[in-house]
Structure formats: C-alpha cells, structure tokens
C-alpha atoms as a PDB file:
ATOM      1  CA  MET A   1      60.783 200.158 100.300  1.00  0.00           C
ATOM      2  CA  ARG A   2      60.559 197.371  97.789  1.00  0.00           C
ATOM      3  CA  ARG A   3      62.197 194.921 100.216  1.00  0.00           C
ATOM      4  CA  ILE A   4      59.616 195.707 102.865  1.00  0.00           C
ATOM      5  CA  GLY A   5      56.838 195.153 100.338  1.00  0.00           C
ATOM      6  CA  ILE A   6      58.277 191.765  99.343  1.00  0.00           C
ATOM      7  CA  ALA A   7      58.567 190.729 103.002  1.00  0.00           C
ATOM      8  CA  ALA A   8      55.015 191.898 103.708  1.00  0.00           C
ATOM      9  CA  ASP A   9      53.670 189.916 100.731  1.00  0.00           C
ATOM     10  CA  PHE A  10      55.571 186.858 101.905  1.00  0.00           C
ATOM     11  CA  MET A  11      54.121 187.146 105.416  1.00  0.00           C
ATOM     12  CA  LYS A  12      50.588 187.583 104.034  1.00  0.00           C
ATOM     13  CA  ARG A  13      50.961 184.319 102.117  1.00  0.00           C
ATOM     14  CA  PHE A  14      52.974 182.423 104.715  1.00  0.00           C
ATOM     15  CA  LEU A  15      50.845 183.011 107.819  1.00  0.00           C
ATOM     16  CA  PRO A  16      47.570 181.701 106.351  1.00  0.00           C
ATOM     17  CA  LEU A  17      49.517 178.661 105.134  1.00  0.00           C
ATOM     18  CA  CYS A  18      50.809 178.041 108.672  1.00  0.00           C
ATOM     19  CA  TYR A  19      47.292 178.298 110.045  1.00  0.00           C
ATOM     20  CA  ARG A  20      46.001 175.874 107.425  1.00  0.00           C
ATOM     21  CA  VAL A  21      48.728 173.368 108.240  1.00  0.00           C
ATOM     22  CA  PHE A  22      48.017 173.699 111.949  1.00  0.00           C
ATOM     23  CA  VAL A  23      44.270 173.183 111.479  1.00  0.00           C
ATOM     24  CA  LEU A  24      44.936 170.206 109.219  1.00  0.00           C
ATOM     25  CA  ALA A  25      47.284 168.622 111.781  1.00  0.00           C
ATOM     26  CA  VAL A  26      44.830 169.137 114.641  1.00  0.00           C
ATOM     27  CA  SER A  27      41.939 167.705 112.636  1.00  0.00           C
ATOM     28  CA  PHE A  28      44.079 164.714 111.659  1.00  0.00           C
ATOM     29  CA  PHE A  29      44.918 163.933 115.282  1.00  0.00           C
ATOM     30  CA  LEU A  30      41.326 164.394 116.401  1.00  0.00           C
ATOM     31  CA  THR A  31      39.972 162.053 113.727  1.00  0.00           C
ATOM     32  CA  ASP A  32      42.697 159.553 114.544  1.00  0.00           C
ATOM     33  CA  ALA A  33      41.749 159.615 118.238  1.00  0.00           C
ATOM     34  CA  ALA A  34      38.042 159.364 117.429  1.00  0.00           C
ATOM     35  CA  SER A  35      38.485 156.398 115.118  1.00  0.00           C
ATOM     36  CA  SER A  36      40.845 154.447 117.387  1.00  0.00           C
ATOM     37  CA  ARG A  37      37.995 152.990 119.470  1.00  0.00           C
ATOM     38  CA  ALA A  38      36.140 151.932 116.335  1.00  0.00           C
ATOM     39  CA  ALA A  39      39.294 150.297 115.002  1.00  0.00           C
ATOM     40  CA  GLU A  40      39.736 148.292 118.207  1.00  0.00           C
ATOM     41  CA  LYS A  41      36.166 146.983 117.982  1.00  0.00           C
ATOM     42  CA  ALA A  42      36.426 146.150 114.287  1.00  0.00           C
ATOM     43  CA  ALA A  43      39.805 144.417 114.674  1.00  0.00           C
ATOM     44  CA  GLU A  44      38.144 141.328 116.084  1.00  0.00           C
ATOM     45  CA  LYS A  45      36.005 140.856 112.967  1.00  0.00           C
ATOM     46  CA  ILE A  46      38.766 141.171 110.349  1.00  0.00           C
ATOM     47  CA  VAL A  47      39.703 137.832 108.794  1.00  0.00           C
ATOM     48  CA  VAL A  48      43.454 137.585 108.349  1.00  0.00           C
ATOM     49  CA  PHE A  49      43.630 134.279 106.497  1.00  0.00           C
ATOM     50  CA  PRO A  50      41.303 133.556 103.585  1.00  0.00           C
ATOM     51  CA  SER A  51      38.257 131.491 104.425  1.00  0.00           C
ATOM     52  CA  THR A  52      38.008 129.610 101.114  1.00  0.00           C
ATOM     53  CA  PRO A  53      40.627 127.413  99.441  1.00  0.00           C
ATOM     54  CA  TYR A  54      40.291 129.341  96.185  1.00  0.00           C
ATOM     55  CA  ASP A  55      41.298 132.615  97.861  1.00  0.00           C
ATOM     56  CA  SER A  56      44.317 131.009  99.502  1.00  0.00           C
ATOM     57  CA  TYR A  57      45.291 129.522  96.123  1.00  0.00           C
ATOM     58  CA  LEU A  58      45.207 132.987  94.572  1.00  0.00           C
ATOM     59  CA  ILE A  59      47.340 134.444  97.335  1.00  0.00           C
ATOM     60  CA  TYR A  60      49.971 131.717  97.104  1.00  0.00           C
ATOM     61  CA  GLU A  61      49.982 131.889  93.316  1.00  0.00           C
ATOM     62  CA  SER A  62      50.590 135.646  93.476  1.00  0.00           C
ATOM     63  CA  LEU A  63      53.450 135.120  95.906  1.00  0.00           C
ATOM     64  CA  VAL A  64      55.058 132.534  93.636  1.00  0.00           C
ATOM     65  CA  VAL A  65      54.805 134.823  90.609  1.00  0.00           C
ATOM     66  CA  PHE A  66      56.245 137.712  92.619  1.00  0.00           C
ATOM     67  CA  TRP A  67      59.273 135.720  93.815  1.00  0.00           C
ATOM     68  CA  LEU A  68      59.883 134.255  90.363  1.00  0.00           C
ATOM     69  CA  PHE A  69      59.909 137.775  88.988  1.00  0.00           C
ATOM     70  CA  ILE A  70      62.387 138.923  91.659  1.00  0.00           C
ATOM     71  CA  LEU A  71      64.679 135.936  91.012  1.00  0.00           C
ATOM     72  CA  SER A  72      64.568 136.482  87.268  1.00  0.00           C
ATOM     73  CA  LEU A  73      65.547 140.128  87.780  1.00  0.00           C
ATOM     74  CA  LEU A  74      68.515 139.024  89.863  1.00  0.00           C
ATOM     75  CA  VAL A  75      69.593 136.579  87.144  1.00  0.00           C
ATOM     76  CA  ILE A  76      69.316 139.248  84.457  1.00  0.00           C
ATOM     77  CA  ILE A  77      71.347 141.712  86.535  1.00  0.00           C
ATOM     78  CA  ARG A  78      74.021 139.081  87.118  1.00  0.00           C
ATOM     79  CA  LEU A  79      74.197 138.289  83.393  1.00  0.00           C
ATOM     80  CA  LYS A  80      74.545 141.975  82.533  1.00  0.00           C
ATOM     81  CA  LEU A  81      77.322 142.414  85.098  1.00  0.00           C
ATOM     82  CA  ARG A  82      79.198 139.456  83.631  1.00  0.00           C
ATOM     83  CA  GLU A  83      78.829 140.945  80.156  1.00  0.00           C
ATOM     84  CA  ILE A  84      80.216 144.268  81.390  1.00  0.00           C
ATOM     85  CA  GLU A  85      83.170 142.496  83.021  1.00  0.00           C
ATOM     86  CA  ARG A  86      83.830 140.558  79.804  1.00  0.00           C
ATOM     87  CA  ILE A  87      83.817 143.747  77.723  1.00  0.00           C
ATOM     88  CA  GLN A  88      86.131 145.457  80.184  1.00  0.00           C
ATOM     89  CA  ALA A  89      88.511 142.464  80.079  1.00  0.00           C
ATOM     90  CA  LEU A  90      88.706 142.744  76.284  1.00  0.00           C
ATOM     91  CA  GLY A  91      89.856 146.326  76.616  1.00  0.00           C
ATOM     92  CA  VAL A  92      87.277 147.704  74.212  1.00  0.00           C
ATOM     93  CA  GLU A  93      86.949 150.899  76.208  1.00  0.00           C
ATOM     94  CA  GLU A  94      90.639 151.732  75.888  1.00  0.00           C
ATOM     95  CA  GLU A  95      91.514 154.030  73.017  1.00  0.00           C
ATOM     96  CA  ASP A  96      93.749 152.547  70.319  1.00  0.00           C
ATOM     97  CA  ARG A  97      95.913 155.066  68.490  1.00  0.00           C
ATOM     98  CA  ASP A  98      96.480 152.786  65.483  1.00  0.00           C
ATOM     99  CA  ALA A  99      92.772 152.178  64.862  1.00  0.00           C
ATOM    100  CA  PRO A 100      91.477 153.578  61.555  1.00  0.00           C
ATOM    101  CA  LEU A 101      89.203 156.571  61.792  1.00  0.00           C
ATOM    102  CA  LEU A 102      85.789 156.600  60.195  1.00  0.00           C
ATOM    103  CA  GLU A 103      85.202 159.721  58.165  1.00  0.00           C
END
C-alpha cells in the first residue's frame, strides 16, 4: 500500500509540473513568433559600428586589453609547465630511502 501511495504522490506532483512546462514552452514560442516581425523592422535601425570616434576607441581599447590578458595567461601557463617539467627532471617526486626523516 505504501508503494502505491508514493507513486500517487509522485504523479500528483509530476503532472502539474509537466503542464507548467508545456504552458511555458507554448508561451515562449508564441512570444517569439509575435516579436519576430518587430525584430525585423527594428533591425534596420540598429547601428552596428559606433558612430563617434570615442566609442570606437573604447571598443578597440577593450579588445587590446582582452587579448593582452589572454596572451599573458598563456605565458603564465607555459612558465608553470616548464617549472613542473624542471621539478620532474630533478626527481624530487621520487622517494629516497636514505633521506633523513623529520620527527
């Protein structure tokens, strides 16, 4: 009897959730279809490139800072990998049986 009660509780919670998801999906597609005509009309008015030199300067400056940051990350990663290779070449990770123990 308890198993039937658990299944019934699950169905009571699951079915309203399915209906909510279905209504949400339908409303999403309807709003998307309704706004597609407005998006086509507004697409002609959107300015892709900045109209003032100051705005273009800001955009290019941001791009330069972004790429400098990416390149510096690559350099740091390469340096760390070289350091790891150097430590592995020294054999520090290998256990030495004659090494004194710290107690």
